[in-house]
Amino acid sequence: MTYEAAEVLRLLTERGQTLAVAESLTGGLVAATLVEVPGASKAFRGSVTAYATELKHRLLGVDAELLAAHGPVHPEVALEMADGVREALGADWGIATTGVAGPDPQDGQPVGTVFVAVRGPAGPESPRGPRSLESLGMSESDLATDFAGSRKVVELRLNGERAEIRRESVRSVLGLLKEELVGEGSGEPEENARAQDTEQNGGF
């Protein structure tokens, strides 16, 4: 996990960008993994461990009706957590984890169900450099849709014991962020709408 953390922090530092983390089932393990890397403070701003459901609403701004209707283990909850921590801590990027590490199911979700999410910067000032609206053939009214920024959530179905599920959740959310950073750095199109994938694995 330390390798993934080091790579993410390197990419962020090269871009002069920062990261904030929102955690539920990982309970601070993402943040702990990041700060194991020397020089992490250049890019890592901090984290919020919102383990209790109501704290996801109170501290991270997750919609209360969404939580009431679906519980905390839901793709939109993960996205709103990532968005909320990014805003709350003033970071360019936000990542989030929510899920069921076990030993028992939660809100009808089986053990090993995990959602990891990433929310990236918006606006013409992107990691690929400043671009004028004219050069993009856009007007100010286009900003809300075309400059929504990276916004992606992935569903994981993980096997293994509680500790293993938590570790793989950390590795997965850092891997997801790395993919977004590398994609932007190589000039690939940004994710402007939610993309949801499903991974089946045995805990790697």
N, C-alpha and C. Protein backbone atom coordinates (compact mmCIF):
# COMPACT_ATOMS: atom_id res chain seq x y z
N MET A 1 0.82 -1.21 0.00
CA MET A 1 0.00 0.00 0.00
C MET A 1 0.85 1.26 0.00
N THR A 2 2.04 1.15 0.64
CA THR A 2 2.89 2.32 0.71
C THR A 2 3.36 2.75 -0.67
N TYR A 3 3.56 1.78 -1.57
CA TYR A 3 3.97 2.12 -2.94
C TYR A 3 2.89 2.95 -3.63
N GLU A 4 1.64 2.50 -3.53
CA GLU A 4 0.55 3.25 -4.15
C GLU A 4 0.45 4.66 -3.57
N ALA A 5 0.61 4.76 -2.24
CA ALA A 5 0.56 6.07 -1.60
C ALA A 5 1.68 6.97 -2.08
N ALA A 6 2.89 6.41 -2.19
CA ALA A 6 4.03 7.20 -2.65
C ALA A 6 3.82 7.70 -4.08
N GLU A 7 3.28 6.85 -4.93
CA GLU A 7 3.04 7.24 -6.32
C GLU A 7 1.99 8.35 -6.42
N VAL A 8 0.92 8.21 -5.65
CA VAL A 8 -0.13 9.23 -5.64
C VAL A 8 0.43 10.57 -5.16
N LEU A 9 1.19 10.54 -4.09
CA LEU A 9 1.75 11.78 -3.54
C LEU A 9 2.76 12.40 -4.50
N ARG A 10 3.51 11.57 -5.19
CA ARG A 10 4.46 12.08 -6.18
C ARG A 10 3.73 12.80 -7.31
N LEU A 11 2.68 12.18 -7.82
CA LEU A 11 1.92 12.78 -8.91
C LEU A 11 1.26 14.09 -8.48
N LEU A 12 0.71 14.09 -7.28
CA LEU A 12 0.08 15.32 -6.78
C LEU A 12 1.12 16.43 -6.60
N THR A 13 2.26 16.09 -6.03
CA THR A 13 3.30 17.09 -5.79
C THR A 13 3.81 17.67 -7.10
N GLU A 14 3.96 16.83 -8.11
CA GLU A 14 4.40 17.30 -9.42
C GLU A 14 3.42 18.31 -10.01
N ARG A 15 2.14 18.16 -9.69
CA ARG A 15 1.11 19.05 -10.21
C ARG A 15 0.85 20.24 -9.30
N GLY A 16 1.47 20.23 -8.11
CA GLY A 16 1.21 21.29 -7.16
C GLY A 16 -0.20 21.23 -6.61
N GLN A 17 -0.75 20.00 -6.47
CA GLN A 17 -2.12 19.81 -6.01
C GLN A 17 -2.16 19.11 -4.66
N THR A 18 -3.32 19.15 -4.04
CA THR A 18 -3.47 18.61 -2.69
C THR A 18 -4.60 17.59 -2.63
N LEU A 19 -4.60 16.80 -1.56
CA LEU A 19 -5.54 15.69 -1.38
C LEU A 19 -6.14 15.72 0.01
N ALA A 20 -7.44 15.41 0.09
CA ALA A 20 -8.13 15.19 1.36
C ALA A 20 -8.84 13.85 1.30
N VAL A 21 -9.01 13.21 2.45
CA VAL A 21 -9.54 11.85 2.50
C VAL A 21 -10.74 11.78 3.44
N ALA A 22 -11.79 11.11 2.99
CA ALA A 22 -12.96 10.81 3.84
C ALA A 22 -13.03 9.29 3.99
N GLU A 23 -13.11 8.82 5.22
CA GLU A 23 -13.09 7.38 5.45
C GLU A 23 -14.24 6.93 6.35
N SER A 24 -14.74 5.74 6.04
CA SER A 24 -15.70 5.09 6.90
C SER A 24 -15.11 3.74 7.33
N LEU A 25 -15.31 2.69 6.53
CA LEU A 25 -14.87 1.36 6.97
C LEU A 25 -13.37 1.27 7.17
N THR A 26 -12.58 2.09 6.48
CA THR A 26 -11.12 2.03 6.62
C THR A 26 -10.64 2.73 7.89
N GLY A 27 -11.47 3.51 8.52
CA GLY A 27 -11.20 4.04 9.85
C GLY A 27 -9.88 4.78 10.03
N GLY A 28 -9.44 5.50 9.01
CA GLY A 28 -8.19 6.26 9.12
C GLY A 28 -6.99 5.57 8.48
N LEU A 29 -7.20 4.37 7.95
CA LEU A 29 -6.09 3.61 7.38
C LEU A 29 -5.56 4.25 6.10
N VAL A 30 -6.41 4.88 5.32
CA VAL A 30 -5.94 5.58 4.11
C VAL A 30 -5.00 6.71 4.52
N ALA A 31 -5.44 7.52 5.48
CA ALA A 31 -4.62 8.64 5.94
C ALA A 31 -3.30 8.14 6.53
N ALA A 32 -3.37 7.08 7.34
CA ALA A 32 -2.16 6.53 7.95
C ALA A 32 -1.18 6.04 6.90
N THR A 33 -1.69 5.43 5.84
CA THR A 33 -0.84 4.94 4.76
C THR A 33 -0.16 6.10 4.04
N LEU A 34 -0.89 7.16 3.83
CA LEU A 34 -0.32 8.33 3.15
C LEU A 34 0.79 8.98 3.98
N VAL A 35 0.57 9.12 5.27
CA VAL A 35 1.56 9.83 6.09
C VAL A 35 2.78 8.96 6.42
N GLU A 36 2.74 7.68 6.05
CA GLU A 36 3.94 6.87 6.15
C GLU A 36 5.00 7.30 5.14
N VAL A 37 4.57 7.99 4.09
CA VAL A 37 5.48 8.42 3.03
C VAL A 37 6.19 9.72 3.44
N PRO A 38 7.50 9.75 3.46
CA PRO A 38 8.20 10.99 3.79
C PRO A 38 7.81 12.12 2.83
N GLY A 39 7.57 13.29 3.39
CA GLY A 39 7.20 14.43 2.56
C GLY A 39 5.73 14.48 2.20
N ALA A 40 4.91 13.66 2.84
CA ALA A 40 3.48 13.60 2.51
C ALA A 40 2.80 14.96 2.67
N SER A 41 3.31 15.78 3.58
CA SER A 41 2.67 17.07 3.85
C SER A 41 2.68 18.02 2.66
N LYS A 42 3.51 17.73 1.66
CA LYS A 42 3.53 18.58 0.46
C LYS A 42 2.21 18.50 -0.30
N ALA A 43 1.51 17.38 -0.17
CA ALA A 43 0.28 17.19 -0.93
C ALA A 43 -0.93 16.81 -0.08
N PHE A 44 -0.71 16.15 1.06
CA PHE A 44 -1.82 15.65 1.87
C PHE A 44 -2.25 16.69 2.89
N ARG A 45 -3.52 17.13 2.80
CA ARG A 45 -4.02 18.15 3.71
C ARG A 45 -4.60 17.57 5.00
N GLY A 46 -5.27 16.43 4.91
CA GLY A 46 -5.86 15.86 6.11
C GLY A 46 -7.00 14.92 5.77
N SER A 47 -7.69 14.45 6.81
CA SER A 47 -8.75 13.46 6.60
C SER A 47 -9.86 13.64 7.61
N VAL A 48 -11.01 13.06 7.28
CA VAL A 48 -12.16 12.98 8.18
C VAL A 48 -12.58 11.52 8.25
N THR A 49 -12.56 10.95 9.44
CA THR A 49 -13.06 9.58 9.63
C THR A 49 -14.47 9.68 10.16
N ALA A 50 -15.43 9.58 9.26
CA ALA A 50 -16.86 9.69 9.62
C ALA A 50 -17.43 8.28 9.70
N TYR A 51 -17.14 7.61 10.79
CA TYR A 51 -17.56 6.21 10.95
C TYR A 51 -19.06 6.12 11.20
N ALA A 52 -19.59 6.98 12.06
CA ALA A 52 -21.02 6.99 12.33
C ALA A 52 -21.77 7.62 11.16
N THR A 53 -22.93 7.07 10.86
CA THR A 53 -23.69 7.52 9.70
C THR A 53 -24.03 9.00 9.78
N GLU A 54 -24.45 9.49 10.94
CA GLU A 54 -24.86 10.89 11.04
C GLU A 54 -23.69 11.84 10.80
N LEU A 55 -22.46 11.39 11.07
CA LEU A 55 -21.30 12.25 10.83
C LEU A 55 -21.02 12.43 9.35
N LYS A 56 -21.44 11.48 8.56
CA LYS A 56 -21.29 11.64 7.11
C LYS A 56 -22.10 12.83 6.63
N HIS A 57 -23.26 13.03 7.24
CA HIS A 57 -24.08 14.20 6.91
C HIS A 57 -23.54 15.46 7.58
N ARG A 58 -23.25 15.38 8.87
CA ARG A 58 -22.88 16.56 9.63
C ARG A 58 -21.51 17.13 9.24
N LEU A 59 -20.54 16.27 9.03
CA LEU A 59 -19.19 16.73 8.75
C LEU A 59 -18.87 16.81 7.26
N LEU A 60 -19.50 15.95 6.47
CA LEU A 60 -19.14 15.87 5.05
C LEU A 60 -20.25 16.34 4.12
N GLY A 61 -21.40 16.65 4.68
CA GLY A 61 -22.47 17.19 3.85
C GLY A 61 -23.20 16.17 3.00
N VAL A 62 -23.07 14.88 3.32
CA VAL A 62 -23.81 13.87 2.57
C VAL A 62 -25.30 14.07 2.81
N ASP A 63 -26.07 14.00 1.76
CA ASP A 63 -27.50 14.26 1.83
C ASP A 63 -28.19 13.34 2.85
N ALA A 64 -28.92 13.92 3.77
CA ALA A 64 -29.56 13.15 4.84
C ALA A 64 -30.63 12.20 4.28
N GLU A 65 -31.36 12.64 3.26
CA GLU A 65 -32.39 11.78 2.66
C GLU A 65 -31.76 10.59 1.95
N LEU A 66 -30.62 10.80 1.32
CA LEU A 66 -29.90 9.71 0.67
C LEU A 66 -29.49 8.67 1.70
N LEU A 67 -28.95 9.13 2.82
CA LEU A 67 -28.54 8.21 3.88
C LEU A 67 -29.73 7.47 4.47
N ALA A 68 -30.84 8.18 4.65
CA ALA A 68 -32.03 7.54 5.23
C ALA A 68 -32.61 6.49 4.29
N ALA A 69 -32.55 6.77 2.99
CA ALA A 69 -33.15 5.86 2.01
C ALA A 69 -32.28 4.65 1.71
N HIS A 70 -30.96 4.84 1.67
CA HIS A 70 -30.08 3.78 1.19
C HIS A 70 -29.03 3.33 2.20
N GLY A 71 -28.86 4.07 3.28
CA GLY A 71 -27.81 3.74 4.23
C GLY A 71 -26.47 4.27 3.75
N PRO A 72 -25.43 4.06 4.54
CA PRO A 72 -24.12 4.63 4.22
C PRO A 72 -23.34 3.89 3.14
N VAL A 73 -23.74 2.65 2.82
CA VAL A 73 -22.99 1.86 1.84
C VAL A 73 -23.69 1.98 0.49
N HIS A 74 -23.33 3.03 -0.24
CA HIS A 74 -24.01 3.35 -1.49
C HIS A 74 -23.06 4.18 -2.35
N PRO A 75 -23.10 4.03 -3.67
CA PRO A 75 -22.17 4.77 -4.52
C PRO A 75 -22.29 6.28 -4.42
N GLU A 76 -23.51 6.80 -4.32
CA GLU A 76 -23.67 8.25 -4.22
C GLU A 76 -23.16 8.77 -2.88
N VAL A 77 -23.28 7.97 -1.85
CA VAL A 77 -22.73 8.36 -0.55
C VAL A 77 -21.22 8.51 -0.66
N ALA A 78 -20.57 7.54 -1.30
CA ALA A 78 -19.12 7.63 -1.48
C ALA A 78 -18.73 8.88 -2.24
N LEU A 79 -19.45 9.18 -3.30
CA LEU A 79 -19.15 10.38 -4.09
C LEU A 79 -19.34 11.65 -3.29
N GLU A 80 -20.42 11.72 -2.53
CA GLU A 80 -20.67 12.92 -1.73
C GLU A 80 -19.66 13.05 -0.60
N MET A 81 -19.19 11.95 -0.06
CA MET A 81 -18.13 12.00 0.94
C MET A 81 -16.85 12.59 0.33
N ALA A 82 -16.50 12.12 -0.86
CA ALA A 82 -15.29 12.62 -1.52
C ALA A 82 -15.43 14.10 -1.84
N ASP A 83 -16.59 14.49 -2.30
CA ASP A 83 -16.84 15.89 -2.63
C ASP A 83 -16.82 16.74 -1.36
N GLY A 84 -17.44 16.22 -0.29
CA GLY A 84 -17.55 16.97 0.95
C GLY A 84 -16.21 17.21 1.62
N VAL A 85 -15.36 16.18 1.64
CA VAL A 85 -14.06 16.35 2.31
C VAL A 85 -13.16 17.25 1.48
N ARG A 86 -13.28 17.19 0.18
CA ARG A 86 -12.51 18.07 -0.70
C ARG A 86 -12.83 19.53 -0.40
N GLU A 87 -14.12 19.81 -0.24
CA GLU A 87 -14.55 21.18 0.05
C GLU A 87 -14.20 21.58 1.48
N ALA A 88 -14.45 20.68 2.42
CA ALA A 88 -14.24 21.01 3.83
C ALA A 88 -12.77 21.30 4.16
N LEU A 89 -11.87 20.57 3.53
CA LEU A 89 -10.45 20.71 3.84
C LEU A 89 -9.69 21.52 2.80
N GLY A 90 -10.40 22.04 1.82
CA GLY A 90 -9.78 22.93 0.85
C GLY A 90 -8.73 22.25 -0.01
N ALA A 91 -9.03 21.05 -0.49
CA ALA A 91 -8.09 20.29 -1.30
C ALA A 91 -8.52 20.26 -2.76
N ASP A 92 -7.56 19.99 -3.64
CA ASP A 92 -7.88 19.84 -5.06
C ASP A 92 -8.61 18.53 -5.33
N TRP A 93 -8.20 17.49 -4.63
CA TRP A 93 -8.79 16.15 -4.82
C TRP A 93 -9.35 15.63 -3.51
N GLY A 94 -10.45 14.89 -3.61
CA GLY A 94 -11.02 14.20 -2.47
C GLY A 94 -11.24 12.74 -2.82
N ILE A 95 -10.92 11.85 -1.89
CA ILE A 95 -11.21 10.43 -2.09
C ILE A 95 -11.97 9.92 -0.87
N ALA A 96 -12.73 8.85 -1.06
CA ALA A 96 -13.58 8.35 0.02
C ALA A 96 -13.73 6.84 -0.03
N THR A 97 -13.97 6.26 1.15
CA THR A 97 -14.26 4.83 1.27
C THR A 97 -15.48 4.63 2.15
N THR A 98 -16.37 3.75 1.72
CA THR A 98 -17.50 3.35 2.56
C THR A 98 -17.86 1.91 2.18
N GLY A 99 -18.22 1.11 3.18
CA GLY A 99 -18.54 -0.28 2.87
C GLY A 99 -18.72 -1.12 4.11
N VAL A 100 -18.74 -2.43 3.89
CA VAL A 100 -18.98 -3.40 4.97
C VAL A 100 -17.75 -4.30 5.10
N ALA A 101 -17.02 -4.11 6.18
CA ALA A 101 -15.81 -4.91 6.40
C ALA A 101 -16.11 -6.20 7.18
N GLY A 102 -17.29 -6.28 7.77
CA GLY A 102 -17.66 -7.48 8.51
C GLY A 102 -17.44 -7.30 10.02
N PRO A 103 -17.79 -8.31 10.78
CA PRO A 103 -18.12 -9.66 10.33
C PRO A 103 -19.57 -9.87 9.87
N ASP A 104 -20.44 -8.86 10.08
CA ASP A 104 -21.85 -9.02 9.74
C ASP A 104 -22.25 -8.10 8.60
N PRO A 105 -23.29 -8.48 7.83
CA PRO A 105 -23.82 -7.60 6.79
C PRO A 105 -24.36 -6.32 7.41
N GLN A 106 -24.54 -5.28 6.58
CA GLN A 106 -25.06 -4.00 7.06
C GLN A 106 -26.05 -3.44 6.05
N ASP A 107 -27.22 -3.07 6.52
CA ASP A 107 -28.26 -2.48 5.68
C ASP A 107 -28.52 -3.30 4.42
N GLY A 108 -28.52 -4.60 4.58
CA GLY A 108 -28.79 -5.48 3.45
C GLY A 108 -27.62 -5.69 2.51
N GLN A 109 -26.47 -5.09 2.82
CA GLN A 109 -25.28 -5.25 1.98
C GLN A 109 -24.39 -6.34 2.56
N PRO A 110 -23.93 -7.26 1.73
CA PRO A 110 -23.08 -8.34 2.25
C PRO A 110 -21.69 -7.85 2.60
N VAL A 111 -21.04 -8.61 3.45
CA VAL A 111 -19.66 -8.31 3.83
C VAL A 111 -18.79 -8.30 2.57
N GLY A 112 -17.92 -7.32 2.47
CA GLY A 112 -17.05 -7.18 1.31
C GLY A 112 -17.54 -6.21 0.27
N THR A 113 -18.76 -5.68 0.46
CA THR A 113 -19.27 -4.65 -0.44
C THR A 113 -18.63 -3.31 -0.06
N VAL A 114 -17.92 -2.72 -0.98
CA VAL A 114 -17.21 -1.47 -0.71
C VAL A 114 -17.36 -0.53 -1.91
N PHE A 115 -17.51 0.74 -1.62
CA PHE A 115 -17.51 1.77 -2.66
C PHE A 115 -16.35 2.72 -2.38
N VAL A 116 -15.53 2.94 -3.39
CA VAL A 116 -14.45 3.92 -3.29
C VAL A 116 -14.70 4.99 -4.35
N ALA A 117 -14.42 6.23 -3.99
CA ALA A 117 -14.75 7.34 -4.89
C ALA A 117 -13.65 8.37 -4.94
N VAL A 118 -13.59 9.08 -6.04
CA VAL A 118 -12.63 10.17 -6.20
C VAL A 118 -13.35 11.36 -6.82
N ARG A 119 -13.01 12.54 -6.33
CA ARG A 119 -13.55 13.79 -6.87
C ARG A 119 -12.38 14.73 -7.11
N GLY A 120 -12.27 15.21 -8.35
CA GLY A 120 -11.12 16.02 -8.72
C GLY A 120 -11.46 17.47 -8.97
N PRO A 121 -10.45 18.23 -9.34
CA PRO A 121 -10.62 19.67 -9.52
C PRO A 121 -11.50 20.01 -10.72
N ALA A 122 -12.15 21.15 -10.61
CA ALA A 122 -13.00 21.64 -11.69
C ALA A 122 -12.48 22.99 -12.15
N GLY A 123 -12.90 23.39 -13.33
CA GLY A 123 -12.54 24.71 -13.83
C GLY A 123 -11.52 24.65 -14.94
N PRO A 124 -11.39 25.72 -15.70
CA PRO A 124 -10.45 25.76 -16.82
C PRO A 124 -9.01 25.57 -16.38
N GLU A 125 -8.68 25.88 -15.09
CA GLU A 125 -7.34 25.66 -14.59
C GLU A 125 -7.22 24.20 -14.19
N SER A 126 -6.79 23.37 -15.12
CA SER A 126 -6.71 21.94 -14.88
C SER A 126 -5.26 21.52 -14.76
N PRO A 127 -5.01 20.24 -14.37
CA PRO A 127 -3.63 19.77 -14.28
C PRO A 127 -2.90 19.84 -15.60
N ARG A 128 -3.65 19.95 -16.71
CA ARG A 128 -3.00 20.02 -18.00
C ARG A 128 -2.66 21.44 -18.39
N GLY A 129 -2.91 22.38 -17.51
CA GLY A 129 -2.51 23.76 -17.77
C GLY A 129 -3.70 24.64 -18.07
N PRO A 130 -3.57 25.99 -17.91
CA PRO A 130 -4.65 26.93 -18.15
C PRO A 130 -5.11 26.89 -19.60
N ARG A 131 -6.43 26.95 -19.78
CA ARG A 131 -6.98 26.99 -21.13
C ARG A 131 -8.10 28.02 -21.14
N SER A 132 -8.14 28.84 -22.16
CA SER A 132 -9.19 29.84 -22.24
C SER A 132 -10.47 29.19 -22.75
N LEU A 133 -11.61 29.79 -22.39
CA LEU A 133 -12.88 29.28 -22.88
C LEU A 133 -12.94 29.36 -24.40
N GLU A 134 -12.37 30.42 -24.97
CA GLU A 134 -12.41 30.59 -26.41
C GLU A 134 -11.68 29.45 -27.12
N SER A 135 -10.53 29.05 -26.54
CA SER A 135 -9.74 27.99 -27.17
C SER A 135 -10.47 26.66 -27.15
N LEU A 136 -11.41 26.53 -26.22
CA LEU A 136 -12.18 25.29 -26.10
C LEU A 136 -13.51 25.38 -26.82
N GLY A 137 -13.80 26.54 -27.40
CA GLY A 137 -15.08 26.71 -28.07
C GLY A 137 -16.24 26.71 -27.12
N MET A 138 -16.05 27.32 -25.92
CA MET A 138 -17.06 27.29 -24.87
C MET A 138 -17.37 28.68 -24.38
N SER A 139 -18.52 28.78 -23.71
CA SER A 139 -18.91 30.02 -23.05
C SER A 139 -19.01 29.75 -21.56
N GLU A 140 -19.24 30.79 -20.76
CA GLU A 140 -19.33 30.62 -19.32
C GLU A 140 -20.47 29.70 -18.92
N SER A 141 -21.53 29.68 -19.71
CA SER A 141 -22.68 28.83 -19.37
C SER A 141 -22.35 27.35 -19.48
N ASP A 142 -21.27 27.02 -20.18
CA ASP A 142 -20.89 25.62 -20.34
C ASP A 142 -20.10 25.07 -19.16
N LEU A 143 -19.66 25.95 -18.28
CA LEU A 143 -18.74 25.53 -17.22
C LEU A 143 -19.32 24.45 -16.33
N ALA A 144 -20.58 24.58 -15.94
CA ALA A 144 -21.18 23.67 -14.96
C ALA A 144 -21.13 22.23 -15.43
N THR A 145 -21.33 22.02 -16.74
CA THR A 145 -21.37 20.65 -17.24
C THR A 145 -20.02 20.17 -17.75
N ASP A 146 -19.31 21.00 -18.47
CA ASP A 146 -18.09 20.56 -19.11
C ASP A 146 -16.86 20.63 -18.22
N PHE A 147 -16.96 21.38 -17.12
CA PHE A 147 -15.84 21.45 -16.19
C PHE A 147 -16.27 20.95 -14.82
N ALA A 148 -17.00 19.84 -14.84
CA ALA A 148 -17.44 19.25 -13.57
C ALA A 148 -16.29 18.62 -12.82
N GLY A 149 -15.19 18.32 -13.50
CA GLY A 149 -14.05 17.69 -12.85
C GLY A 149 -14.18 16.18 -12.78
N SER A 150 -13.10 15.52 -12.39
CA SER A 150 -13.12 14.07 -12.25
C SER A 150 -14.11 13.68 -11.16
N ARG A 151 -14.93 12.71 -11.44
CA ARG A 151 -15.94 12.25 -10.49
C ARG A 151 -16.21 10.79 -10.79
N LYS A 152 -15.65 9.91 -9.97
CA LYS A 152 -15.76 8.50 -10.29
C LYS A 152 -15.95 7.67 -9.03
N VAL A 153 -16.77 6.63 -9.15
CA VAL A 153 -16.99 5.71 -8.04
C VAL A 153 -16.87 4.29 -8.56
N VAL A 154 -16.28 3.42 -7.76
CA VAL A 154 -16.09 2.02 -8.13
C VAL A 154 -16.66 1.14 -7.03
N GLU A 155 -17.41 0.13 -7.43
CA GLU A 155 -17.93 -0.85 -6.48
C GLU A 155 -16.98 -2.04 -6.44
N LEU A 156 -16.62 -2.44 -5.24
CA LEU A 156 -15.76 -3.59 -5.02
C LEU A 156 -16.54 -4.69 -4.32
N ARG A 157 -16.27 -5.92 -4.69
CA ARG A 157 -16.80 -7.09 -3.98
C ARG A 157 -15.60 -7.88 -3.49
N LEU A 158 -15.22 -7.64 -2.25
CA LEU A 158 -13.98 -8.18 -1.73
C LEU A 158 -14.22 -9.40 -0.84
N ASN A 159 -13.32 -10.36 -0.93
CA ASN A 159 -13.34 -11.53 -0.07
C ASN A 159 -12.26 -11.39 0.99
N GLY A 160 -12.35 -12.23 2.02
CA GLY A 160 -11.31 -12.23 3.03
C GLY A 160 -11.82 -11.77 4.38
N GLU A 161 -10.90 -11.74 5.33
CA GLU A 161 -11.23 -11.30 6.68
C GLU A 161 -11.37 -9.78 6.73
N ARG A 162 -11.89 -9.30 7.85
CA ARG A 162 -12.13 -7.87 8.03
C ARG A 162 -10.89 -7.02 7.73
N ALA A 163 -9.76 -7.40 8.29
CA ALA A 163 -8.54 -6.61 8.09
C ALA A 163 -8.13 -6.60 6.62
N GLU A 164 -8.31 -7.72 5.96
CA GLU A 164 -7.93 -7.82 4.55
C GLU A 164 -8.83 -6.95 3.68
N ILE A 165 -10.12 -6.94 3.99
CA ILE A 165 -11.06 -6.09 3.24
C ILE A 165 -10.69 -4.63 3.40
N ARG A 166 -10.34 -4.23 4.60
CA ARG A 166 -9.96 -2.84 4.84
C ARG A 166 -8.68 -2.48 4.09
N ARG A 167 -7.71 -3.37 4.10
CA ARG A 167 -6.45 -3.11 3.38
C ARG A 167 -6.69 -2.99 1.88
N GLU A 168 -7.49 -3.88 1.33
CA GLU A 168 -7.76 -3.83 -0.11
C GLU A 168 -8.57 -2.59 -0.48
N SER A 169 -9.39 -2.12 0.43
CA SER A 169 -10.14 -0.88 0.18
C SER A 169 -9.18 0.30 0.06
N VAL A 170 -8.17 0.32 0.94
CA VAL A 170 -7.16 1.38 0.87
C VAL A 170 -6.42 1.32 -0.45
N ARG A 171 -5.96 0.13 -0.81
CA ARG A 171 -5.22 -0.02 -2.06
C ARG A 171 -6.07 0.38 -3.25
N SER A 172 -7.33 0.03 -3.22
CA SER A 172 -8.21 0.32 -4.34
C SER A 172 -8.49 1.81 -4.51
N VAL A 173 -8.73 2.52 -3.40
CA VAL A 173 -9.03 3.95 -3.53
C VAL A 173 -7.79 4.73 -3.96
N LEU A 174 -6.62 4.32 -3.49
CA LEU A 174 -5.39 4.97 -3.95
C LEU A 174 -5.13 4.64 -5.42
N GLY A 175 -5.43 3.41 -5.82
CA GLY A 175 -5.27 3.04 -7.22
C GLY A 175 -6.22 3.81 -8.13
N LEU A 176 -7.44 4.02 -7.66
CA LEU A 176 -8.41 4.78 -8.44
C LEU A 176 -7.93 6.22 -8.63
N LEU A 177 -7.43 6.83 -7.57
CA LEU A 177 -6.91 8.19 -7.68
C LEU A 177 -5.72 8.24 -8.62
N LYS A 178 -4.84 7.27 -8.53
CA LYS A 178 -3.68 7.24 -9.42
C LYS A 178 -4.12 7.17 -10.88
N GLU A 179 -5.13 6.34 -11.17
CA GLU A 179 -5.63 6.24 -12.54
C GLU A 179 -6.13 7.59 -13.04
N GLU A 180 -6.85 8.31 -12.19
CA GLU A 180 -7.36 9.62 -12.58
C GLU A 180 -6.23 10.61 -12.82
N LEU A 181 -5.23 10.60 -11.95
CA LEU A 181 -4.11 11.52 -12.10
C LEU A 181 -3.29 11.22 -13.35
N VAL A 182 -3.03 9.94 -13.60
CA VAL A 182 -2.28 9.55 -14.79
C VAL A 182 -3.07 9.87 -16.05
N GLY A 183 -4.38 9.62 -15.99
CA GLY A 183 -5.23 9.92 -17.14
C GLY A 183 -5.20 11.39 -17.50
N GLU A 184 -5.30 12.25 -16.49
CA GLU A 184 -5.26 13.68 -16.75
C GLU A 184 -3.89 14.10 -17.24
N GLY A 185 -2.86 13.53 -16.65
CA GLY A 185 -1.51 13.92 -17.04
C GLY A 185 -1.18 13.53 -18.47
N SER A 186 -1.84 12.46 -18.98
CA SER A 186 -1.56 12.01 -20.34
C SER A 186 -2.46 12.66 -21.36
N GLY A 187 -3.37 13.53 -20.88
CA GLY A 187 -4.22 14.25 -21.81
C GLY A 187 -5.49 13.51 -22.18
N GLU A 188 -5.82 12.43 -21.47
CA GLU A 188 -7.06 11.72 -21.75
C GLU A 188 -8.24 12.53 -21.26
N PRO A 189 -9.44 12.31 -21.81
CA PRO A 189 -10.61 13.09 -21.39
C PRO A 189 -10.90 12.92 -19.92
N GLU A 190 -11.37 13.99 -19.28
CA GLU A 190 -11.74 13.93 -17.87
C GLU A 190 -13.04 13.18 -17.71
N GLU A 191 -13.23 12.61 -16.51
CA GLU A 191 -14.50 11.99 -16.17
C GLU A 191 -15.43 13.08 -15.69
N ASN A 192 -16.41 13.45 -16.52
CA ASN A 192 -17.32 14.52 -16.16
C ASN A 192 -18.64 14.01 -15.61
N ALA A 193 -18.82 12.72 -15.64
CA ALA A 193 -20.04 12.13 -15.10
C ALA A 193 -19.63 10.91 -14.31
N ARG A 194 -20.54 10.44 -13.47
CA ARG A 194 -20.20 9.29 -12.64
C ARG A 194 -19.98 8.05 -13.51
N ALA A 195 -18.88 7.38 -13.24
CA ALA A 195 -18.60 6.09 -13.88
C ALA A 195 -18.56 5.07 -12.77
N GLN A 196 -19.29 3.99 -12.96
CA GLN A 196 -19.35 2.97 -11.91
C GLN A 196 -18.91 1.64 -12.48
N ASP A 197 -17.93 1.03 -11.86
CA ASP A 197 -17.41 -0.25 -12.28
C ASP A 197 -17.63 -1.26 -11.17
N THR A 198 -17.50 -2.52 -11.53
CA THR A 198 -17.58 -3.58 -10.53
C THR A 198 -16.34 -4.43 -10.64
N GLU A 199 -15.68 -4.68 -9.52
CA GLU A 199 -14.50 -5.53 -9.50
C GLU A 199 -14.81 -6.76 -8.67
N GLN A 200 -14.54 -7.90 -9.24
CA GLN A 200 -14.67 -9.15 -8.49
C GLN A 200 -13.27 -9.64 -8.21
N ASN A 201 -12.92 -9.85 -6.96
CA ASN A 201 -11.59 -10.34 -6.66
C ASN A 201 -11.62 -11.09 -5.34
N GLY A 202 -10.52 -11.74 -5.09
CA GLY A 202 -10.40 -12.54 -3.87
C GLY A 202 -9.53 -11.87 -2.83
N GLY A 203 -9.56 -10.56 -2.78
CA GLY A 203 -8.72 -9.84 -1.85
C GLY A 203 -7.31 -9.64 -2.37
N PHE A 204 -7.12 -9.84 -3.70
CA PHE A 204 -5.82 -9.70 -4.35
C PHE A 204 -4.83 -10.65 -3.68
